[in-house]
Protein backbone atom coordinates (compact mmCIF):
# COMPACT_ATOMS: atom_id res chain seq x y z
CA MET A 1 -46.09 -77.67 -59.47
CA GLN A 2 -48.34 -79.99 -61.33
CA ILE A 3 -51.15 -82.04 -59.86
CA GLY A 4 -53.01 -84.01 -62.20
CA SER A 5 -54.12 -81.53 -64.77
CA ILE A 6 -53.66 -78.46 -62.58
CA ASP A 7 -50.73 -76.20 -62.58
CA THR A 8 -50.65 -74.98 -59.10
CA GLY A 9 -48.62 -71.81 -59.89
CA ALA A 10 -46.13 -70.73 -57.30
CA ALA A 11 -44.38 -73.41 -55.49
CA VAL A 12 -44.90 -71.93 -52.11
CA ARG A 13 -48.69 -71.40 -51.12
CA LEU A 14 -50.92 -70.68 -48.18
CA ALA A 15 -51.88 -73.91 -46.13
CA PRO A 16 -55.74 -74.52 -45.09
CA MET A 17 -56.37 -73.33 -41.53
CA ALA A 18 -59.79 -73.61 -39.83
CA ASP A 19 -61.09 -70.06 -39.20
CA VAL A 20 -58.23 -68.22 -40.91
CA SER A 21 -58.10 -69.31 -44.79
CA ASN A 22 -61.38 -67.62 -45.96
CA VAL A 23 -62.10 -65.93 -49.06
CA PRO A 24 -60.56 -62.63 -47.92
CA PHE A 25 -57.49 -64.21 -46.57
CA ARG A 26 -56.98 -66.55 -49.78
CA LEU A 27 -57.36 -63.44 -51.93
CA ILE A 28 -54.78 -61.36 -50.33
CA ALA A 29 -52.25 -64.26 -49.84
CA ARG A 30 -52.64 -64.93 -53.73
CA ARG A 31 -52.11 -61.09 -54.54
CA CYS A 32 -48.91 -61.37 -52.18
CA GLY A 33 -47.53 -64.14 -54.49
CA SER A 34 -48.89 -67.47 -53.30
CA GLY A 35 -49.62 -70.19 -55.28
CA MET A 36 -52.98 -72.03 -55.36
CA THR A 37 -54.96 -71.98 -52.12
CA THR A 38 -56.88 -74.50 -50.25
CA SER A 39 -60.35 -73.68 -48.38
CA GLU A 40 -60.60 -74.16 -44.60
CA GLU A 41 -62.00 -77.48 -43.75
CA VAL A 42 -65.50 -78.49 -44.85
CA ASP A 43 -67.10 -80.91 -42.68
CA ALA A 44 -68.88 -83.89 -45.00
CA GLU A 45 -71.62 -84.75 -42.68
CA ALA A 46 -72.43 -80.76 -42.15
CA LEU A 47 -72.48 -80.40 -45.98
CA ILE A 48 -74.56 -83.27 -46.85
CA HIS A 49 -77.07 -81.97 -44.08
CA GLU A 50 -77.14 -78.68 -45.66
CA SER A 51 -75.55 -76.76 -43.17
CA VAL A 52 -75.35 -73.00 -43.83
CA ARG A 53 -71.88 -72.71 -42.34
CA ALA A 54 -70.55 -75.75 -44.41
CA ARG A 55 -71.98 -74.42 -47.62
CA ARG A 56 -70.48 -70.85 -46.93
CA THR A 57 -67.02 -72.36 -46.01
CA ALA A 58 -66.96 -74.04 -49.58
CA GLU A 59 -67.81 -70.78 -51.38
CA PHE A 60 -64.84 -69.34 -53.51
CA LEU A 61 -64.54 -66.80 -56.10
CA PRO A 62 -63.77 -67.25 -59.85
CA GLU A 63 -60.67 -65.11 -59.49
CA GLU A 64 -59.33 -67.77 -56.92
CA ARG A 65 -59.11 -70.50 -59.55
CA PRO A 66 -57.59 -73.06 -59.16
CA VAL A 67 -58.86 -73.66 -55.96
CA ALA A 68 -58.75 -76.64 -53.54
CA LEU A 69 -61.59 -77.37 -51.33
CA GLN A 70 -60.56 -79.18 -48.22
CA LEU A 71 -63.04 -82.17 -46.93
CA LEU A 72 -63.20 -83.30 -43.19
CA GLY A 73 -64.64 -86.63 -42.28
CA GLY A 74 -64.53 -90.24 -41.28
CA ARG A 75 -66.96 -92.10 -43.04
CA ALA A 76 -66.46 -93.21 -46.71
CA GLU A 77 -70.26 -92.78 -47.75
CA SER A 78 -70.61 -89.45 -46.53
CA MET A 79 -67.17 -88.28 -47.51
CA ALA A 80 -67.93 -89.50 -51.28
CA GLU A 81 -71.38 -87.69 -51.29
CA ALA A 82 -69.88 -84.39 -49.94
CA ALA A 83 -66.68 -84.67 -52.50
CA ASN A 84 -69.27 -84.98 -55.36
CA ARG A 85 -71.25 -81.93 -54.20
CA LEU A 86 -68.06 -79.78 -53.81
CA GLN A 87 -67.02 -80.98 -57.44
CA ASP A 88 -70.31 -80.07 -58.82
CA LEU A 89 -69.91 -76.65 -57.09
CA GLY A 90 -66.85 -76.18 -59.18
CA ALA A 91 -63.76 -77.11 -57.04
CA ASP A 92 -60.72 -77.65 -59.07
CA MET A 93 -59.40 -80.06 -56.54
CA ILE A 94 -60.56 -81.97 -53.41
CA ASP A 95 -58.04 -82.32 -50.36
CA VAL A 96 -58.58 -84.64 -47.36
CA ASN A 97 -57.76 -83.28 -44.09
CA MET A 98 -55.91 -86.29 -42.20
CA GLY A 99 -53.88 -83.76 -40.00
CA CYS A 100 -56.21 -81.94 -37.68
CA PRO A 101 -55.20 -82.79 -34.16
CA VAL A 102 -57.96 -80.90 -32.41
CA ARG A 103 -59.52 -83.39 -29.64
CA LYS A 104 -63.19 -82.65 -30.79
CA ILE A 105 -62.39 -83.51 -34.42
CA VAL A 106 -60.22 -86.52 -33.49
CA LYS A 107 -62.67 -88.36 -30.93
CA LYS A 108 -65.13 -88.28 -34.11
CA GLY A 109 -62.51 -90.40 -36.15
CA LYS A 110 -61.87 -87.48 -38.46
CA GLY A 111 -58.77 -85.46 -39.22
CA SER A 112 -55.53 -87.10 -37.99
CA ALA A 113 -57.50 -89.90 -36.36
CA LEU A 114 -57.51 -91.30 -39.98
CA MET A 115 -53.61 -91.87 -39.42
CA ARG A 116 -54.23 -94.69 -37.20
CA ASP A 117 -57.12 -96.40 -38.89
CA LEU A 118 -55.71 -97.38 -42.40
CA PRO A 119 -58.27 -99.82 -43.43
CA ARG A 120 -61.06 -97.00 -42.99
CA THR A 121 -58.63 -94.47 -44.80
CA ALA A 122 -58.08 -96.64 -47.88
CA GLU A 123 -62.00 -97.21 -47.79
CA ILE A 124 -62.41 -93.29 -47.87
CA LEU A 125 -59.86 -92.76 -50.28
CA SER A 126 -61.03 -95.46 -52.61
CA SER A 127 -64.77 -94.10 -52.71
CA LEU A 128 -63.42 -90.44 -53.36
CA ARG A 129 -61.39 -91.60 -56.21
CA LYS A 130 -64.29 -93.42 -57.74
CA VAL A 131 -66.77 -90.24 -57.78
CA LEU A 132 -64.18 -87.65 -58.66
CA ALA A 133 -63.08 -86.56 -62.08
CA ILE A 134 -60.69 -83.82 -60.51
CA PRO A 135 -57.72 -84.42 -58.52
CA LEU A 136 -57.63 -85.84 -54.94
CA THR A 137 -54.89 -84.91 -52.45
CA ILE A 138 -54.38 -85.34 -48.95
CA LYS A 139 -52.81 -83.60 -45.93
CA ILE A 140 -51.01 -85.67 -43.42
CA ARG A 141 -48.98 -85.48 -40.17
CA GLY A 142 -45.94 -87.65 -39.38
CA GLY A 143 -48.10 -90.03 -37.46
CA TRP A 144 -50.22 -90.46 -34.39
CA ASP A 145 -47.17 -90.09 -31.99
CA ASP A 146 -43.74 -90.93 -31.60
CA GLU A 147 -44.31 -94.53 -31.38
CA HIS A 148 -46.46 -94.58 -34.50
CA LEU A 149 -44.55 -92.57 -37.24
CA ASN A 150 -46.25 -93.87 -40.23
CA ALA A 151 -46.50 -91.03 -42.85
CA VAL A 152 -44.50 -93.02 -45.26
CA GLU A 153 -47.16 -95.97 -44.97
CA VAL A 154 -49.79 -93.64 -45.29
CA ALA A 155 -48.47 -91.82 -48.21
CA GLN A 156 -47.88 -95.34 -50.13
CA LEU A 157 -51.46 -96.58 -49.34
CA ALA A 158 -52.62 -92.82 -50.62
CA GLU A 159 -50.75 -93.39 -53.75
CA SER A 160 -51.90 -97.12 -54.30
CA GLU A 161 -55.76 -95.62 -54.04
CA GLY A 162 -55.33 -92.91 -56.65
CA VAL A 163 -54.32 -90.02 -54.77
CA ASP A 164 -52.66 -87.24 -56.91
CA ALA A 165 -50.44 -85.52 -54.26
CA ILE A 166 -49.61 -85.54 -50.71
CA THR A 167 -48.85 -82.74 -48.21
CA VAL A 168 -46.72 -83.57 -45.17
CA HIS A 169 -46.89 -81.69 -41.88
CA PRO A 170 -44.28 -83.66 -39.95
CA ARG A 171 -45.25 -83.20 -36.48
CA THR A 172 -47.23 -85.97 -34.81
CA ARG A 173 -50.87 -85.64 -33.70
CA SER A 174 -49.57 -85.83 -30.00
CA GLN A 175 -47.02 -82.92 -30.79
CA GLN A 176 -49.82 -80.66 -31.90
CA PHE A 177 -48.00 -77.61 -32.87
CA THR A 178 -45.04 -77.77 -30.18
CA GLY A 179 -41.55 -78.58 -30.67
CA LEU A 180 -39.53 -78.55 -34.08
CA ALA A 181 -41.05 -79.86 -37.15
CA PRO A 182 -38.80 -83.12 -38.22
CA TRP A 183 -38.44 -82.11 -41.70
CA GLN A 184 -36.56 -85.46 -42.59
CA ILE A 185 -40.07 -87.38 -42.46
CA ILE A 186 -40.95 -85.04 -45.38
CA GLY A 187 -37.93 -86.32 -47.21
CA ASP A 188 -38.87 -89.79 -46.36
CA VAL A 189 -42.25 -89.55 -48.12
CA VAL A 190 -40.60 -87.95 -51.02
CA ASP A 191 -38.29 -90.88 -51.50
CA ALA A 192 -41.32 -93.45 -50.90
CA VAL A 193 -43.84 -92.06 -53.65
CA ASN A 194 -43.74 -91.11 -57.21
CA ILE A 195 -46.38 -88.23 -56.75
CA PRO A 196 -45.86 -84.71 -55.68
CA VAL A 197 -45.18 -83.97 -52.14
CA THR A 198 -45.62 -80.62 -50.52
CA GLY A 199 -43.79 -79.81 -47.22
CA ASN A 200 -45.21 -78.08 -44.25
CA GLY A 201 -44.05 -76.71 -40.99
CA ASP A 202 -42.02 -74.26 -39.30
CA VAL A 203 -41.57 -72.20 -42.49
CA ASP A 204 -41.81 -68.36 -42.13
CA SER A 205 -39.99 -67.00 -44.94
CA MET A 206 -39.40 -67.61 -48.51
CA ALA A 207 -35.63 -68.27 -47.64
CA GLU A 208 -37.09 -71.20 -45.32
CA ALA A 209 -39.27 -72.37 -48.00
CA ARG A 210 -36.11 -72.81 -50.45
CA ARG A 211 -34.21 -74.62 -47.60
CA MET A 212 -37.12 -77.16 -46.90
CA MET A 213 -37.45 -77.81 -50.70
CA ALA A 214 -33.43 -78.06 -50.88
CA GLU A 215 -33.32 -80.45 -47.82
CA THR A 216 -36.20 -82.63 -48.28
CA ASN A 217 -36.52 -82.52 -52.19
CA CYS A 218 -40.19 -81.68 -51.74
CA GLN A 219 -41.68 -80.08 -54.91
CA ALA A 220 -43.60 -77.25 -53.10
CA VAL A 221 -44.20 -75.76 -49.43
CA MET A 222 -47.25 -74.55 -47.67
CA ILE A 223 -47.03 -72.12 -45.33
CA GLY A 224 -49.79 -71.90 -42.42
CA ARG A 225 -49.19 -69.97 -39.24
CA GLY A 226 -46.07 -68.16 -40.60
CA ALA A 227 -48.66 -66.34 -42.94
CA MET A 228 -51.08 -65.26 -40.13
CA GLY A 229 -50.31 -61.37 -39.99
CA ARG A 230 -47.78 -61.84 -42.56
CA PRO A 231 -49.36 -62.73 -46.02
CA TRP A 232 -46.48 -60.93 -47.73
CA VAL A 233 -44.46 -63.86 -46.39
CA PHE A 234 -45.13 -65.09 -50.01
CA SER A 235 -43.49 -62.31 -51.64
CA ASP A 236 -39.72 -62.05 -52.90
CA GLU A 237 -40.37 -58.39 -53.93
CA TYR A 238 -40.95 -57.70 -50.16
CA GLU A 239 -38.00 -59.34 -48.94
CA SER A 240 -35.73 -57.16 -51.49
CA LEU A 241 -37.20 -53.90 -50.09
CA GLY A 242 -35.80 -51.36 -47.74
CA ARG A 243 -37.32 -50.72 -44.45
CA GLU A 244 -39.62 -47.63 -45.39
CA ALA A 245 -40.62 -49.61 -48.44
CA GLN A 246 -41.41 -52.36 -46.54
CA ASP A 247 -43.61 -50.43 -44.17
CA GLU A 248 -45.59 -49.02 -47.08
CA TYR A 249 -45.76 -52.42 -48.71
CA ARG A 250 -47.35 -53.92 -45.61
CA LEU A 251 -49.64 -51.07 -44.90
CA ASN A 252 -51.03 -51.34 -48.35
CA VAL A 253 -51.49 -55.17 -48.07
CA ILE A 254 -53.25 -54.59 -44.61
CA SER A 255 -55.51 -52.06 -46.03
CA GLU A 256 -56.41 -54.14 -49.01
CA HIS A 257 -57.06 -57.07 -46.61
CA MET A 258 -59.49 -55.26 -44.60
CA GLU A 259 -61.36 -53.96 -47.86
CA LEU A 260 -61.77 -57.65 -48.93
CA ILE A 261 -63.32 -58.64 -45.53
CA GLU A 262 -65.68 -55.73 -45.74
CA GLU A 263 -66.58 -56.60 -49.41
CA HIS A 264 -67.03 -60.41 -49.03
CA LEU A 265 -68.17 -60.85 -45.47
CA ASP A 266 -71.58 -59.92 -43.76
CA GLU A 267 -71.25 -57.04 -41.13
CA ARG A 268 -70.99 -59.41 -38.16
CA ARG A 269 -68.43 -61.76 -39.42
CA ALA A 270 -66.41 -58.90 -41.01
CA LEU A 271 -66.13 -57.11 -37.75
CA ILE A 272 -64.86 -60.32 -36.07
CA GLN A 273 -62.33 -61.12 -38.87
CA MET A 274 -61.00 -57.42 -38.91
CA LYS A 275 -60.24 -57.30 -35.06
CA LYS A 276 -58.86 -61.02 -35.35
CA ASN A 277 -56.47 -60.01 -38.33
CA LEU A 278 -55.54 -56.75 -37.18
CA SER A 279 -54.65 -58.22 -33.81
CA TRP A 280 -52.17 -60.48 -35.63
CA TYR A 281 -51.06 -57.26 -37.85
CA ILE A 282 -49.95 -55.50 -34.32
CA SER A 283 -46.52 -56.75 -33.54
CA THR A 284 -45.08 -57.61 -30.09
CA GLY A 285 -44.47 -55.24 -27.05
CA TRP A 286 -46.54 -53.49 -24.24
CA ARG A 287 -48.18 -51.07 -26.68
CA ALA A 288 -49.33 -54.04 -28.90
CA ARG A 289 -50.91 -55.66 -25.92
CA PHE A 290 -52.51 -52.42 -25.08
CA ARG A 291 -53.79 -51.89 -28.41
CA ARG A 292 -55.11 -55.64 -28.90
CA ARG A 293 -57.20 -55.08 -25.85
CA GLU A 294 -58.68 -51.66 -27.14
CA LEU A 295 -59.12 -53.39 -30.62
CA PHE A 296 -61.27 -56.13 -29.14
CA GLU A 297 -63.60 -53.67 -27.35
CA CYS A 298 -64.53 -52.03 -30.76
CA ALA A 299 -68.17 -52.10 -31.75
CA THR A 300 -67.65 -51.23 -35.40
CA ALA A 301 -65.10 -51.86 -38.57
CA PRO A 302 -64.12 -48.07 -38.74
CA GLU A 303 -63.53 -48.02 -34.85
CA ALA A 304 -61.09 -51.22 -35.25
CA TRP A 305 -59.31 -49.64 -38.27
CA ASP A 306 -58.80 -46.39 -36.33
CA VAL A 307 -57.37 -48.12 -33.43
CA PHE A 308 -54.92 -50.05 -35.64
CA ARG A 309 -53.83 -47.02 -37.54
CA ARG A 310 -53.16 -44.95 -34.11
CA TYR A 311 -50.99 -48.07 -33.06
CA TRP A 312 -49.30 -48.17 -36.65
CA ASP A 313 -48.58 -44.20 -36.64
CA LEU A 314 -47.26 -44.25 -33.42
CA ARG A 315 -45.04 -47.26 -34.08
CA LEU A 316 -43.37 -45.53 -37.13
CA PHE A 317 -43.01 -42.25 -35.10
CA GLU A 318 -41.16 -44.22 -32.24
CA GLU A 319 -38.89 -46.00 -34.86
CA GLU A 320 -37.94 -42.89 -36.50
CA LYS A 321 -36.98 -41.31 -33.12
CA LEU A 322 -34.84 -44.38 -32.30
CA ALA A 323 -33.11 -44.19 -35.81
CA ALA A 324 -32.32 -40.45 -35.41
CA ALA A 325 -31.06 -40.85 -31.96
CA ALA A 326 -28.87 -43.63 -33.21
CA GLY A 327 -27.59 -41.81 -36.14
């Protein structure tokens, strides 16, 4: 997929997610086969006011390139200034968050609130286009609610303001993440604009990604929640492996992910991220619930890894017993 002058690589790629798609997660997703990744949302006002957290969120490594930095805001002036700063930091692309449904974000006129204020959206996109020499993209929802399904109108507005590509999550803001994602809205946007469209929503495998592309004609697919605890979702190789080889593949990915967390995050943040991600890597069942509780009581990274490995080894042992009994 080509967005402006940028080749995004693989057509299936990791979606931006707050408190999830940090540097280690983006790196492990790329190593598993994801195309170009996008940062967590960077708040424009916070970046302008020299917030340490905002600046940290905007950090990326040379090996991630090309990389898109996602910008969150509701005022044209601050969005333009923040976008210019991100461009100066070396961003290859700026993505505008028009989809976040969280109440504290929406009530400030940010995220999916922009879906119901098209004059302000047009002002923001126009101001960004004037200051950016790199590609500009947006990530939108199907609309505010079922009575205001305006993804097509927003997409056409964005195209007229010089936006280079659009990602569509077809649920409305009111739906949050409930119910099924109506993929037809993605297809409607594809038919309505002449710029690349990426689909997003209810995709948890490469097979589902290919089905979304076939049904909607979108040029690419983003996977968000389907990649949490499953970064191998981007790997065709993984899907072709047998059960034992898949276990080995998963453990290697998990080990590498933990190493990346310890390498790129300070000790406090690394422990938080390790516990959170290891809890996602633990599957369902009563033993999983017990291990998660034990995991979040850990005070150090080695303790957390030891809890996970005991869970992993016991799970494999029990699966082997079940297979032997069945045979």
